[in-house]
Amino acid sequence: MSDQIIEWQARIYVYDLQNCSREFGFKTDEGWEVNMVTREQKADIEKKYFPTLSAKVLPEMLAEMLDSVRIKLRQGMNKVLDTTPLGQQHCQYLVAFSPTRMRR
């Protein structure tokens, strides 16, 4: 059941990312960087980049949802995820931003 919920949430998140891409006129070479972050990191990213898209996710589902979103976006796994730091960092959010679109 948990896997179905993660898959469903990831599908909605990717759908929202695609809509946001169209709304803000992303070019074909522009993409999203998706990361697991804490509340403070989320605020920093939102101050630095526009647009951003975030979702609050249960910590135990966060790594799996990140994997699913990256696969759906065809980014693959750029780095191996270690679930040990999750508890230490208290990551609660999945945040997507385009590194080429800095806030002015």
N, C-alpha and C. Protein backbone atom coordinates (compact mmCIF):
# COMPACT_ATOMS: atom_id res chain seq x y z
N MET A 1 0.82 -1.20 0.00
CA MET A 1 0.00 0.00 0.00
C MET A 1 0.86 1.26 0.00
N SER A 2 1.93 1.24 0.78
CA SER A 2 2.82 2.39 0.87
C SER A 2 3.46 2.69 -0.49
N ASP A 3 3.84 1.65 -1.22
CA ASP A 3 4.45 1.86 -2.54
C ASP A 3 3.47 2.51 -3.51
N GLN A 4 2.20 2.15 -3.42
CA GLN A 4 1.19 2.75 -4.29
C GLN A 4 1.00 4.23 -3.95
N ILE A 5 1.03 4.55 -2.68
CA ILE A 5 0.89 5.95 -2.26
C ILE A 5 2.07 6.77 -2.76
N ILE A 6 3.27 6.25 -2.61
CA ILE A 6 4.48 6.95 -3.07
C ILE A 6 4.41 7.15 -4.58
N GLU A 7 4.04 6.12 -5.30
CA GLU A 7 3.94 6.20 -6.76
C GLU A 7 2.91 7.25 -7.18
N TRP A 8 1.78 7.26 -6.50
CA TRP A 8 0.72 8.23 -6.80
C TRP A 8 1.19 9.65 -6.52
N GLN A 9 1.82 9.87 -5.36
CA GLN A 9 2.31 11.20 -5.01
C GLN A 9 3.41 11.66 -5.99
N ALA A 10 4.28 10.75 -6.37
CA ALA A 10 5.35 11.09 -7.31
C ALA A 10 4.76 11.47 -8.66
N ARG A 11 3.75 10.74 -9.10
CA ARG A 11 3.11 11.04 -10.38
C ARG A 11 2.48 12.44 -10.37
N ILE A 12 1.82 12.79 -9.27
CA ILE A 12 1.21 14.12 -9.15
C ILE A 12 2.29 15.20 -9.12
N TYR A 13 3.37 14.95 -8.39
CA TYR A 13 4.47 15.91 -8.28
C TYR A 13 5.10 16.18 -9.65
N VAL A 14 5.34 15.13 -10.41
CA VAL A 14 5.93 15.28 -11.75
C VAL A 14 4.96 16.01 -12.67
N TYR A 15 3.67 15.71 -12.55
CA TYR A 15 2.65 16.41 -13.34
C TYR A 15 2.71 17.91 -13.03
N ASP A 16 2.80 18.27 -11.76
CA ASP A 16 2.90 19.67 -11.37
C ASP A 16 4.18 20.31 -11.91
N LEU A 17 5.29 19.57 -11.91
CA LEU A 17 6.55 20.08 -12.46
C LEU A 17 6.42 20.36 -13.95
N GLN A 18 5.77 19.45 -14.67
CA GLN A 18 5.58 19.65 -16.11
C GLN A 18 4.69 20.87 -16.39
N ASN A 19 3.64 21.04 -15.59
CA ASN A 19 2.78 22.21 -15.76
C ASN A 19 3.55 23.50 -15.47
N CYS A 20 4.36 23.48 -14.43
CA CYS A 20 5.16 24.64 -14.07
C CYS A 20 6.16 24.97 -15.18
N SER A 21 6.75 23.93 -15.77
CA SER A 21 7.69 24.13 -16.88
C SER A 21 7.02 24.84 -18.05
N ARG A 22 5.82 24.39 -18.37
CA ARG A 22 5.07 25.02 -19.48
C ARG A 22 4.68 26.45 -19.12
N GLU A 23 4.22 26.65 -17.90
CA GLU A 23 3.76 27.96 -17.47
C GLU A 23 4.88 29.00 -17.51
N PHE A 24 6.09 28.60 -17.14
CA PHE A 24 7.21 29.53 -17.09
C PHE A 24 8.11 29.46 -18.31
N GLY A 25 7.69 28.72 -19.34
CA GLY A 25 8.39 28.71 -20.62
C GLY A 25 9.78 28.11 -20.57
N PHE A 26 9.94 26.99 -19.89
CA PHE A 26 11.24 26.33 -19.85
C PHE A 26 11.65 25.92 -21.25
N LYS A 27 12.92 26.10 -21.56
CA LYS A 27 13.46 25.64 -22.83
C LYS A 27 13.79 24.16 -22.71
N THR A 28 14.06 23.51 -23.84
CA THR A 28 14.31 22.07 -23.82
C THR A 28 15.57 21.70 -23.03
N ASP A 29 16.54 22.60 -22.94
CA ASP A 29 17.76 22.30 -22.19
C ASP A 29 17.64 22.62 -20.70
N GLU A 30 16.53 23.22 -20.27
CA GLU A 30 16.32 23.51 -18.86
C GLU A 30 15.63 22.33 -18.20
N GLY A 31 15.99 22.09 -16.99
CA GLY A 31 15.38 20.99 -16.26
C GLY A 31 15.27 21.32 -14.79
N TRP A 32 14.80 20.34 -14.05
CA TRP A 32 14.60 20.48 -12.62
C TRP A 32 15.67 19.73 -11.85
N GLU A 33 16.14 20.32 -10.78
CA GLU A 33 16.96 19.61 -9.82
C GLU A 33 16.05 19.33 -8.62
N VAL A 34 15.97 18.08 -8.23
CA VAL A 34 15.07 17.68 -7.15
C VAL A 34 15.90 17.15 -6.00
N ASN A 35 15.64 17.67 -4.79
CA ASN A 35 16.42 17.29 -3.61
C ASN A 35 15.54 17.11 -2.39
N MET A 36 16.05 16.32 -1.44
CA MET A 36 15.44 16.20 -0.12
C MET A 36 16.07 17.28 0.75
N VAL A 37 15.25 18.07 1.43
CA VAL A 37 15.79 19.18 2.22
C VAL A 37 15.04 19.34 3.54
N THR A 38 15.65 20.11 4.43
CA THR A 38 15.01 20.50 5.68
C THR A 38 14.18 21.76 5.44
N ARG A 39 13.47 22.18 6.44
CA ARG A 39 12.65 23.40 6.32
C ARG A 39 13.53 24.62 6.03
N GLU A 40 14.69 24.70 6.69
CA GLU A 40 15.58 25.84 6.49
C GLU A 40 16.18 25.83 5.09
N GLN A 41 16.58 24.66 4.62
CA GLN A 41 17.13 24.56 3.27
C GLN A 41 16.08 24.91 2.22
N LYS A 42 14.85 24.50 2.46
CA LYS A 42 13.74 24.82 1.55
C LYS A 42 13.58 26.34 1.45
N ALA A 43 13.60 27.02 2.59
CA ALA A 43 13.46 28.48 2.59
C ALA A 43 14.61 29.14 1.83
N ASP A 44 15.83 28.64 2.01
CA ASP A 44 16.99 29.19 1.29
C ASP A 44 16.85 29.02 -0.22
N ILE A 45 16.41 27.84 -0.64
CA ILE A 45 16.24 27.56 -2.07
C ILE A 45 15.16 28.46 -2.64
N GLU A 46 14.05 28.64 -1.92
CA GLU A 46 12.96 29.49 -2.41
C GLU A 46 13.38 30.95 -2.50
N LYS A 47 14.31 31.39 -1.66
CA LYS A 47 14.82 32.76 -1.75
C LYS A 47 15.76 32.94 -2.93
N LYS A 48 16.45 31.86 -3.30
CA LYS A 48 17.48 31.94 -4.33
C LYS A 48 16.97 31.66 -5.74
N TYR A 49 15.98 30.77 -5.88
CA TYR A 49 15.50 30.33 -7.20
C TYR A 49 14.01 30.57 -7.37
N PHE A 50 13.62 30.80 -8.64
CA PHE A 50 12.20 30.91 -8.98
C PHE A 50 12.00 30.38 -10.38
N PRO A 51 11.07 29.53 -10.61
CA PRO A 51 10.09 28.96 -9.68
C PRO A 51 10.67 27.76 -8.91
N THR A 52 10.03 27.46 -7.81
CA THR A 52 10.34 26.25 -7.06
C THR A 52 9.03 25.52 -6.81
N LEU A 53 9.14 24.23 -6.58
CA LEU A 53 7.97 23.43 -6.27
C LEU A 53 8.36 22.48 -5.15
N SER A 54 7.61 22.55 -4.04
CA SER A 54 7.96 21.71 -2.90
C SER A 54 6.76 20.88 -2.46
N ALA A 55 7.09 19.79 -1.79
CA ALA A 55 6.06 18.90 -1.24
C ALA A 55 6.57 18.38 0.09
N LYS A 56 5.71 18.42 1.09
CA LYS A 56 6.08 17.86 2.38
C LYS A 56 5.77 16.37 2.34
N VAL A 57 6.76 15.56 2.70
CA VAL A 57 6.65 14.11 2.60
C VAL A 57 7.09 13.51 3.93
N LEU A 58 6.44 12.43 4.33
CA LEU A 58 6.85 11.72 5.54
C LEU A 58 8.30 11.28 5.38
N PRO A 59 9.13 11.46 6.41
CA PRO A 59 10.55 11.12 6.30
C PRO A 59 10.82 9.69 5.85
N GLU A 60 10.00 8.74 6.27
CA GLU A 60 10.24 7.35 5.89
C GLU A 60 9.90 7.08 4.42
N MET A 61 9.19 7.99 3.77
CA MET A 61 8.82 7.83 2.36
C MET A 61 9.64 8.73 1.44
N LEU A 62 10.41 9.62 2.01
CA LEU A 62 11.09 10.67 1.25
C LEU A 62 12.09 10.12 0.23
N ALA A 63 12.94 9.20 0.64
CA ALA A 63 13.96 8.66 -0.28
C ALA A 63 13.32 7.92 -1.44
N GLU A 64 12.29 7.13 -1.15
CA GLU A 64 11.62 6.40 -2.23
C GLU A 64 10.90 7.34 -3.19
N MET A 65 10.30 8.40 -2.64
CA MET A 65 9.61 9.35 -3.51
C MET A 65 10.61 10.10 -4.39
N LEU A 66 11.75 10.47 -3.82
CA LEU A 66 12.79 11.13 -4.61
C LEU A 66 13.24 10.23 -5.76
N ASP A 67 13.48 8.97 -5.47
CA ASP A 67 13.86 8.02 -6.52
C ASP A 67 12.81 7.96 -7.61
N SER A 68 11.56 7.85 -7.21
CA SER A 68 10.46 7.74 -8.17
C SER A 68 10.32 8.99 -9.03
N VAL A 69 10.45 10.16 -8.42
CA VAL A 69 10.34 11.42 -9.16
C VAL A 69 11.50 11.54 -10.15
N ARG A 70 12.70 11.22 -9.71
CA ARG A 70 13.86 11.32 -10.61
C ARG A 70 13.74 10.36 -11.79
N ILE A 71 13.23 9.17 -11.54
CA ILE A 71 13.04 8.21 -12.63
C ILE A 71 12.01 8.75 -13.62
N LYS A 72 10.92 9.29 -13.10
CA LYS A 72 9.88 9.83 -13.97
C LYS A 72 10.38 11.03 -14.77
N LEU A 73 11.29 11.79 -14.19
CA LEU A 73 11.88 12.93 -14.90
C LEU A 73 13.07 12.52 -15.76
N ARG A 74 13.39 11.22 -15.73
CA ARG A 74 14.50 10.64 -16.49
C ARG A 74 15.85 11.21 -16.07
N GLN A 75 15.97 11.58 -14.80
CA GLN A 75 17.25 12.07 -14.30
C GLN A 75 18.11 10.93 -13.81
N GLY A 76 17.50 9.83 -13.45
CA GLY A 76 18.27 8.73 -12.88
C GLY A 76 18.82 9.11 -11.53
N MET A 77 19.66 8.29 -11.01
CA MET A 77 20.26 8.57 -9.72
C MET A 77 21.66 9.15 -9.93
N ASN A 78 21.80 10.42 -9.61
CA ASN A 78 23.10 11.07 -9.74
C ASN A 78 24.02 10.67 -8.60
N LYS A 79 23.46 10.38 -7.46
CA LYS A 79 24.26 9.98 -6.32
C LYS A 79 23.51 8.91 -5.55
N VAL A 80 24.23 8.10 -4.87
CA VAL A 80 23.62 7.04 -4.09
C VAL A 80 23.07 7.65 -2.81
N LEU A 81 21.83 7.34 -2.50
CA LEU A 81 21.21 7.90 -1.31
C LEU A 81 21.52 7.05 -0.10
N ASP A 82 21.94 7.70 0.97
CA ASP A 82 22.18 7.05 2.23
C ASP A 82 21.06 7.49 3.16
N THR A 83 20.27 6.56 3.65
CA THR A 83 19.11 6.93 4.47
C THR A 83 19.50 7.29 5.90
N THR A 84 20.73 7.04 6.32
CA THR A 84 21.16 7.38 7.67
C THR A 84 21.10 8.88 7.94
N PRO A 85 21.61 9.74 7.03
CA PRO A 85 21.56 11.18 7.31
C PRO A 85 20.14 11.74 7.37
N LEU A 86 19.16 11.02 6.81
CA LEU A 86 17.80 11.54 6.83
C LEU A 86 17.34 11.84 8.24
N GLY A 87 17.53 10.92 9.14
CA GLY A 87 17.12 11.13 10.52
C GLY A 87 17.90 12.24 11.18
N GLN A 88 19.18 12.37 10.84
CA GLN A 88 20.02 13.39 11.44
C GLN A 88 19.68 14.78 10.92
N GLN A 89 19.36 14.87 9.65
CA GLN A 89 19.08 16.17 9.04
C GLN A 89 17.62 16.58 9.19
N HIS A 90 16.76 15.66 9.51
CA HIS A 90 15.33 15.93 9.64
C HIS A 90 14.73 16.45 8.34
N CYS A 91 15.14 15.87 7.23
CA CYS A 91 14.57 16.26 5.93
C CYS A 91 13.09 15.94 5.93
N GLN A 92 12.30 16.87 5.44
CA GLN A 92 10.86 16.69 5.39
C GLN A 92 10.28 17.09 4.05
N TYR A 93 11.07 17.71 3.21
CA TYR A 93 10.53 18.26 1.96
C TYR A 93 11.27 17.72 0.75
N LEU A 94 10.53 17.64 -0.33
CA LEU A 94 11.08 17.40 -1.64
C LEU A 94 10.95 18.74 -2.36
N VAL A 95 12.06 19.30 -2.82
CA VAL A 95 12.04 20.61 -3.46
C VAL A 95 12.67 20.50 -4.84
N ALA A 96 11.98 21.07 -5.82
CA ALA A 96 12.49 21.11 -7.19
C ALA A 96 12.72 22.57 -7.58
N PHE A 97 13.84 22.79 -8.26
CA PHE A 97 14.15 24.13 -8.77
C PHE A 97 15.01 23.97 -10.01
N SER A 98 15.04 25.02 -10.81
CA SER A 98 15.89 25.01 -11.99
C SER A 98 17.14 25.82 -11.66
N PRO A 99 18.32 25.18 -11.69
CA PRO A 99 19.55 25.91 -11.33
C PRO A 99 19.85 27.10 -12.23
N THR A 100 19.27 27.14 -13.41
CA THR A 100 19.52 28.26 -14.34
C THR A 100 18.59 29.44 -14.10
N ARG A 101 17.61 29.29 -13.23
CA ARG A 101 16.63 30.35 -13.01
C ARG A 101 16.77 30.93 -11.60
N MET A 102 17.73 31.82 -11.46
CA MET A 102 17.96 32.47 -10.17
C MET A 102 16.95 33.60 -10.01
N ARG A 103 16.53 33.83 -8.77
CA ARG A 103 15.62 34.93 -8.46
C ARG A 103 16.39 36.24 -8.60
N ARG A 104 15.74 37.22 -9.11
CA ARG A 104 16.41 38.53 -9.33
C ARG A 104 16.09 39.49 -8.24
